[in-house]
């Protein structure tokens, strides 16, 4: 079974760190091991929590979801 990595509408990745590119693949593989068929990046550098600066704005965090587990 293949788990596909996709981006939610409006997600921006320009400026994420190289480590986060690697992390996205690790998360996708973990989802796949549990039987997920989708891995969706919900927030990239556009993610803000409670209006404060977070690792998202610096390119050091991504939020993921799957609807298939």
PDB file of N, CA and C in Angstrom:
ATOM      1  N   UNK A   1       0.846  -1.177   0.000  1.00  0.00           N
ATOM      2  CA  UNK A   1       0.000   0.000   0.000  1.00  0.00           C
ATOM      3  C   UNK A   1       0.896   1.245   0.000  1.00  0.00           C
ATOM      4  N   UNK A   2       0.551   2.205  -0.825  1.00  0.00           N
ATOM      5  CA  UNK A   2       1.323   3.439  -0.909  1.00  0.00           C
ATOM      6  C   UNK A   2       0.614   4.564  -0.172  1.00  0.00           C
ATOM      7  N   UNK A   3       1.394   5.358   0.526  1.00  0.00           N
ATOM      8  CA  UNK A   3       0.880   6.539   1.210  1.00  0.00           C
ATOM      9  C   UNK A   3       1.404   7.752   0.458  1.00  0.00           C
ATOM     10  N   UNK A   4       0.501   8.589  -0.017  1.00  0.00           N
ATOM     11  CA  UNK A   4       0.878   9.738  -0.825  1.00  0.00           C
ATOM     12  C   UNK A   4       0.934  11.003   0.018  1.00  0.00           C
ATOM     13  N   UNK A   5       1.996  11.767  -0.158  1.00  0.00           N
ATOM     14  CA  UNK A   5       2.172  13.046   0.529  1.00  0.00           C
ATOM     15  C   UNK A   5       1.561  14.147  -0.339  1.00  0.00           C
ATOM     16  N   UNK A   6       0.631  14.894   0.231  1.00  0.00           N
ATOM     17  CA  UNK A   6       0.005  15.997  -0.486  1.00  0.00           C
ATOM     18  C   UNK A   6      -0.023  17.233   0.404  1.00  0.00           C
ATOM     19  N   UNK A   7      -0.329  18.370  -0.204  1.00  0.00           N
ATOM     20  CA  UNK A   7      -0.422  19.635   0.517  1.00  0.00           C
ATOM     21  C   UNK A   7      -1.876  20.090   0.561  1.00  0.00           C
ATOM     22  N   UNK A   8      -2.315  20.555   1.713  1.00  0.00           N
ATOM     23  CA  UNK A   8      -3.635  21.161   1.817  1.00  0.00           C
ATOM     24  C   UNK A   8      -3.613  22.487   1.062  1.00  0.00           C
ATOM     25  N   UNK A   9      -4.768  22.954   0.695  1.00  0.00           N
ATOM     26  CA  UNK A   9      -4.889  24.215  -0.029  1.00  0.00           C
ATOM     27  C   UNK A   9      -4.262  25.361   0.765  1.00  0.00           C
ATOM     28  N   UNK A  10      -3.424  26.143   0.106  1.00  0.00           N
ATOM     29  CA  UNK A  10      -2.825  27.315   0.723  1.00  0.00           C
ATOM     30  C   UNK A  10      -1.550  27.073   1.500  1.00  0.00           C
ATOM     31  N   UNK A  11      -1.109  25.831   1.605  1.00  0.00           N
ATOM     32  CA  UNK A  11       0.117  25.535   2.348  1.00  0.00           C
ATOM     33  C   UNK A  11       1.322  26.060   1.580  1.00  0.00           C
ATOM     34  N   UNK A  12       2.178  26.789   2.279  1.00  0.00           N
ATOM     35  CA  UNK A  12       3.400  27.320   1.676  1.00  0.00           C
ATOM     36  C   UNK A  12       4.606  26.597   2.265  1.00  0.00           C
ATOM     37  N   UNK A  13       5.485  26.118   1.389  1.00  0.00           N
ATOM     38  CA  UNK A  13       6.690  25.414   1.826  1.00  0.00           C
ATOM     39  C   UNK A  13       7.970  26.157   1.467  1.00  0.00           C
ATOM     40  N   UNK A  14       7.877  27.203   0.656  1.00  0.00           N
ATOM     41  CA  UNK A  14       9.077  27.944   0.278  1.00  0.00           C
ATOM     42  C   UNK A  14       9.724  28.507   1.536  1.00  0.00           C
ATOM     43  N   UNK A  15      10.957  28.096   1.792  1.00  0.00           N
ATOM     44  CA  UNK A  15      11.679  28.570   2.967  1.00  0.00           C
ATOM     45  C   UNK A  15      11.760  27.571   4.106  1.00  0.00           C
ATOM     46  N   UNK A  16      11.169  26.354   3.930  1.00  0.00           N
ATOM     47  CA  UNK A  16      11.319  25.378   5.006  1.00  0.00           C
ATOM     48  C   UNK A  16      12.756  24.874   5.026  1.00  0.00           C
ATOM     49  N   UNK A  17      13.187  24.424   6.186  1.00  0.00           N
ATOM     50  CA  UNK A  17      14.560  23.947   6.339  1.00  0.00           C
ATOM     51  C   UNK A  17      14.721  22.582   5.669  1.00  0.00           C
ATOM     52  N   UNK A  18      15.947  22.248   5.256  1.00  0.00           N
ATOM     53  CA  UNK A  18      16.193  20.928   4.665  1.00  0.00           C
ATOM     54  C   UNK A  18      15.800  19.796   5.608  1.00  0.00           C
ATOM     55  N   UNK A  19      15.947  20.013   6.898  1.00  0.00           N
ATOM     56  CA  UNK A  19      15.580  18.989   7.875  1.00  0.00           C
ATOM     57  C   UNK A  19      14.084  18.681   7.823  1.00  0.00           C
ATOM     58  N   UNK A  20      13.274  19.690   7.524  1.00  0.00           N
ATOM     59  CA  UNK A  20      11.832  19.474   7.453  1.00  0.00           C
ATOM     60  C   UNK A  20      11.436  18.704   6.192  1.00  0.00           C
ATOM     61  N   UNK A  21      12.208  18.847   5.129  1.00  0.00           N
ATOM     62  CA  UNK A  21      11.966  18.034   3.929  1.00  0.00           C
ATOM     63  C   UNK A  21      12.180  16.565   4.282  1.00  0.00           C
ATOM     64  N   UNK A  22      13.260  16.281   4.987  1.00  0.00           N
ATOM     65  CA  UNK A  22      13.540  14.913   5.439  1.00  0.00           C
ATOM     66  C   UNK A  22      12.452  14.444   6.409  1.00  0.00           C
ATOM     67  N   UNK A  23      12.055  15.297   7.344  1.00  0.00           N
ATOM     68  CA  UNK A  23      11.039  14.936   8.333  1.00  0.00           C
ATOM     69  C   UNK A  23       9.712  14.586   7.662  1.00  0.00           C
ATOM     70  N   UNK A  24       9.354  15.304   6.610  1.00  0.00           N
ATOM     71  CA  UNK A  24       8.103  15.025   5.907  1.00  0.00           C
ATOM     72  C   UNK A  24       8.102  13.603   5.349  1.00  0.00           C
ATOM     73  N   UNK A  25       9.219  13.165   4.838  1.00  0.00           N
ATOM     74  CA  UNK A  25       9.310  11.801   4.314  1.00  0.00           C
ATOM     75  C   UNK A  25       9.247  10.778   5.451  1.00  0.00           C
ATOM     76  N   UNK A  26       9.856  11.076   6.586  1.00  0.00           N
ATOM     77  CA  UNK A  26       9.793  10.175   7.741  1.00  0.00           C
ATOM     78  C   UNK A  26       8.348  10.033   8.216  1.00  0.00           C
ATOM     79  N   UNK A  27       7.625  11.143   8.289  1.00  0.00           N
ATOM     80  CA  UNK A  27       6.215  11.105   8.706  1.00  0.00           C
ATOM     81  C   UNK A  27       5.394  10.306   7.698  1.00  0.00           C
ATOM     82  N   UNK A  28       5.621  10.536   6.411  1.00  0.00           N
ATOM     83  CA  UNK A  28       4.884   9.796   5.384  1.00  0.00           C
ATOM     84  C   UNK A  28       5.114   8.294   5.529  1.00  0.00           C
ATOM     85  N   UNK A  29       6.363   7.889   5.743  1.00  0.00           N
ATOM     86  CA  UNK A  29       6.681   6.474   5.907  1.00  0.00           C
ATOM     87  C   UNK A  29       6.024   5.893   7.159  1.00  0.00           C
ATOM     88  N   UNK A  30       5.995   6.665   8.245  1.00  0.00           N
ATOM     89  CA  UNK A  30       5.353   6.195   9.476  1.00  0.00           C
ATOM     90  C   UNK A  30       3.854   6.009   9.256  1.00  0.00           C
ATOM     91  N   UNK A  31       3.213   6.980   8.600  1.00  0.00           N
ATOM     92  CA  UNK A  31       1.791   6.848   8.284  1.00  0.00           C
ATOM     93  C   UNK A  31       1.564   5.588   7.449  1.00  0.00           C
ATOM     94  N   UNK A  32       2.428   5.357   6.477  1.00  0.00           N
ATOM     95  CA  UNK A  32       2.287   4.192   5.599  1.00  0.00           C
ATOM     96  C   UNK A  32       2.395   2.892   6.392  1.00  0.00           C
ATOM     97  N   UNK A  33       3.326   2.847   7.343  1.00  0.00           N
ATOM     98  CA  UNK A  33       3.491   1.636   8.156  1.00  0.00           C
ATOM     99  C   UNK A  33       2.230   1.309   8.951  1.00  0.00           C
ATOM    100  N   UNK A  34       1.462   2.328   9.310  1.00  0.00           N
ATOM    101  CA  UNK A  34       0.228   2.118  10.054  1.00  0.00           C
ATOM    102  C   UNK A  34      -0.982   1.930   9.141  1.00  0.00           C
ATOM    103  N   UNK A  35      -0.745   1.892   7.824  1.00  0.00           N
ATOM    104  CA  UNK A  35      -1.807   1.603   6.883  1.00  0.00           C
ATOM    105  C   UNK A  35      -2.486   2.809   6.262  1.00  0.00           C
ATOM    106  N   UNK A  36      -1.966   4.009   6.506  1.00  0.00           N
ATOM    107  CA  UNK A  36      -2.562   5.206   5.912  1.00  0.00           C
ATOM    108  C   UNK A  36      -2.275   5.246   4.419  1.00  0.00           C
ATOM    109  N   UNK A  37      -3.209   5.802   3.667  1.00  0.00           N
ATOM    110  CA  UNK A  37      -3.006   5.966   2.230  1.00  0.00           C
ATOM    111  C   UNK A  37      -2.780   7.426   1.858  1.00  0.00           C
ATOM    112  N   UNK A  38      -2.908   8.317   2.837  1.00  0.00           N
ATOM    113  CA  UNK A  38      -2.641   9.735   2.579  1.00  0.00           C
ATOM    114  C   UNK A  38      -1.916  10.354   3.767  1.00  0.00           C
ATOM    115  N   UNK A  39      -1.071  11.316   3.464  1.00  0.00           N
ATOM    116  CA  UNK A  39      -0.348  12.106   4.450  1.00  0.00           C
ATOM    117  C   UNK A  39      -0.431  13.543   3.953  1.00  0.00           C
ATOM    118  N   UNK A  40      -1.176  14.372   4.667  1.00  0.00           N
ATOM    119  CA  UNK A  40      -1.447  15.726   4.197  1.00  0.00           C
ATOM    120  C   UNK A  40      -0.710  16.739   5.070  1.00  0.00           C
ATOM    121  N   UNK A  41       0.083  17.597   4.431  1.00  0.00           N
ATOM    122  CA  UNK A  41       0.713  18.703   5.146  1.00  0.00           C
ATOM    123  C   UNK A  41      -0.341  19.798   5.271  1.00  0.00           C
ATOM    124  N   UNK A  42      -0.720  20.106   6.508  1.00  0.00           N
ATOM    125  CA  UNK A  42      -1.769  21.086   6.762  1.00  0.00           C
ATOM    126  C   UNK A  42      -1.225  22.500   6.953  1.00  0.00           C
ATOM    127  N   UNK A  43      -0.009  22.604   7.476  1.00  0.00           N
ATOM    128  CA  UNK A  43       0.610  23.917   7.684  1.00  0.00           C
ATOM    129  C   UNK A  43       2.098  23.816   7.421  1.00  0.00           C
ATOM    130  N   UNK A  44       2.606  24.833   6.748  1.00  0.00           N
ATOM    131  CA  UNK A  44       4.039  24.973   6.516  1.00  0.00           C
ATOM    132  C   UNK A  44       4.480  26.278   7.152  1.00  0.00           C
ATOM    133  N   UNK A  45       5.114  27.123   6.353  1.00  0.00           N
ATOM    134  CA  UNK A  45       5.559  28.395   6.923  1.00  0.00           C
ATOM    135  C   UNK A  45       4.401  29.346   7.166  1.00  0.00           C
ATOM    136  N   UNK A  46       3.230  29.000   6.650  1.00  0.00           N
ATOM    137  CA  UNK A  46       2.049  29.835   6.846  1.00  0.00           C
ATOM    138  C   UNK A  46       1.349  29.560   8.168  1.00  0.00           C
ATOM    139  N   UNK A  47       1.803  28.565   8.921  1.00  0.00           N
ATOM    140  CA  UNK A  47       1.123  28.222  10.163  1.00  0.00           C
ATOM    141  C   UNK A  47       1.441  29.184  11.285  1.00  0.00           C
ATOM    142  N   UNK A  48       0.417  29.693  11.935  1.00  0.00           N
ATOM    143  CA  UNK A  48       0.581  30.515  13.125  1.00  0.00           C
ATOM    144  C   UNK A  48      -0.395  30.014  14.166  1.00  0.00           C
ATOM    145  N   UNK A  49       0.072  29.948  15.384  1.00  0.00           N
ATOM    146  CA  UNK A  49      -0.767  29.515  16.487  1.00  0.00           C
ATOM    147  C   UNK A  49      -0.950  30.681  17.444  1.00  0.00           C
ATOM    148  N   UNK A  50      -2.171  31.079  17.658  1.00  0.00           N
ATOM    149  CA  UNK A  50      -2.504  32.130  18.618  1.00  0.00           C
ATOM    150  C   UNK A  50      -1.851  33.463  18.293  1.00  0.00           C
ATOM    151  N   UNK A  51      -1.505  33.689  17.016  1.00  0.00           N
ATOM    152  CA  UNK A  51      -0.972  34.975  16.592  1.00  0.00           C
ATOM    153  C   UNK A  51       0.448  35.273  17.051  1.00  0.00           C
ATOM    154  N   UNK A  52       1.178  34.275  17.533  1.00  0.00           N
ATOM    155  CA  UNK A  52       2.554  34.498  17.973  1.00  0.00           C
ATOM    156  C   UNK A  52       3.517  33.857  16.979  1.00  0.00           C
ATOM    157  N   UNK A  53       4.763  34.257  17.025  1.00  0.00           N
ATOM    158  CA  UNK A  53       5.780  33.656  16.167  1.00  0.00           C
ATOM    159  C   UNK A  53       6.058  32.235  16.650  1.00  0.00           C
ATOM    160  N   UNK A  54       6.091  31.303  15.706  1.00  0.00           N
ATOM    161  CA  UNK A  54       6.328  29.898  16.029  1.00  0.00           C
ATOM    162  C   UNK A  54       7.425  29.354  15.119  1.00  0.00           C
ATOM    163  N   UNK A  55       7.861  28.131  15.365  1.00  0.00           N
ATOM    164  CA  UNK A  55       8.819  27.503  14.448  1.00  0.00           C
ATOM    165  C   UNK A  55       8.307  27.390  13.014  1.00  0.00           C
ATOM    166  N   UNK A  56       6.983  27.426  12.834  1.00  0.00           N
ATOM    167  CA  UNK A  56       6.428  27.392  11.476  1.00  0.00           C
ATOM    168  C   UNK A  56       6.965  28.554  10.642  1.00  0.00           C
ATOM    169  N   UNK A  57       6.912  29.750  11.173  1.00  0.00           N
ATOM    170  CA  UNK A  57       7.315  30.927  10.396  1.00  0.00           C
ATOM    171  C   UNK A  57       8.804  30.919  10.069  1.00  0.00           C
ATOM    172  N   UNK A  58       9.599  30.171  10.852  1.00  0.00           N
ATOM    173  CA  UNK A  58      11.030  30.048  10.589  1.00  0.00           C
ATOM    174  C   UNK A  58      11.357  28.849   9.706  1.00  0.00           C
ATOM    175  N   UNK A  59      10.329  28.085   9.314  1.00  0.00           N
ATOM    176  CA  UNK A  59      10.552  26.925   8.447  1.00  0.00           C
ATOM    177  C   UNK A  59      10.985  25.681   9.177  1.00  0.00           C
ATOM    178  N   UNK A  60      10.745  25.636  10.504  1.00  0.00           N
ATOM    179  CA  UNK A  60      11.196  24.506  11.313  1.00  0.00           C
ATOM    180  C   UNK A  60      10.060  23.649  11.853  1.00  0.00           C
ATOM    181  N   UNK A  61       8.862  23.761  11.275  1.00  0.00           N
ATOM    182  CA  UNK A  61       7.734  22.930  11.739  1.00  0.00           C
ATOM    183  C   UNK A  61       6.742  22.732  10.597  1.00  0.00           C
ATOM    184  N   UNK A  62       6.143  21.563  10.579  1.00  0.00           N
ATOM    185  CA  UNK A  62       5.060  21.240   9.656  1.00  0.00           C
ATOM    186  C   UNK A  62       3.974  20.523  10.462  1.00  0.00           C
ATOM    187  N   UNK A  63       2.732  20.722  10.088  1.00  0.00           N
ATOM    188  CA  UNK A  63       1.609  20.004  10.700  1.00  0.00           C
ATOM    189  C   UNK A  63       1.058  19.013   9.681  1.00  0.00           C
ATOM    190  N   UNK A  64       0.797  17.783  10.134  1.00  0.00           N
ATOM    191  CA  UNK A  64       0.318  16.720   9.257  1.00  0.00           C
ATOM    192  C   UNK A  64      -1.009  16.176   9.749  1.00  0.00           C
ATOM    193  N   UNK A  65      -1.752  15.573   8.812  1.00  0.00           N
ATOM    194  CA  UNK A  65      -2.951  14.818   9.191  1.00  0.00           C
ATOM    195  C   UNK A  65      -3.145  13.687   8.187  1.00  0.00           C
ATOM    196  N   UNK A  66      -3.940  12.724   8.613  1.00  0.00           N
ATOM    197  CA  UNK A  66      -4.398  11.684   7.708  1.00  0.00           C
ATOM    198  C   UNK A  66      -5.830  11.360   8.078  1.00  0.00           C
ATOM    199  N   UNK A  67      -6.613  11.017   7.114  1.00  0.00           N
ATOM    200  CA  UNK A  67      -7.993  10.649   7.383  1.00  0.00           C
ATOM    201  C   UNK A  67      -8.235   9.166   7.184  1.00  0.00           C
ATOM    202  N   UNK A  68      -7.144   8.420   7.019  1.00  0.00           N
ATOM    203  CA  UNK A  68      -7.301   7.017   6.644  1.00  0.00           C
ATOM    204  C   UNK A  68      -6.844   6.037   7.718  1.00  0.00           C
ATOM    205  N   UNK A  69      -6.657   6.488   8.929  1.00  0.00           N
ATOM    206  CA  UNK A  69      -6.281   5.546  10.006  1.00  0.00           C
ATOM    207  C   UNK A  69      -7.448   5.289  10.917  1.00  0.00           C
TER     208      UNK A  69
END
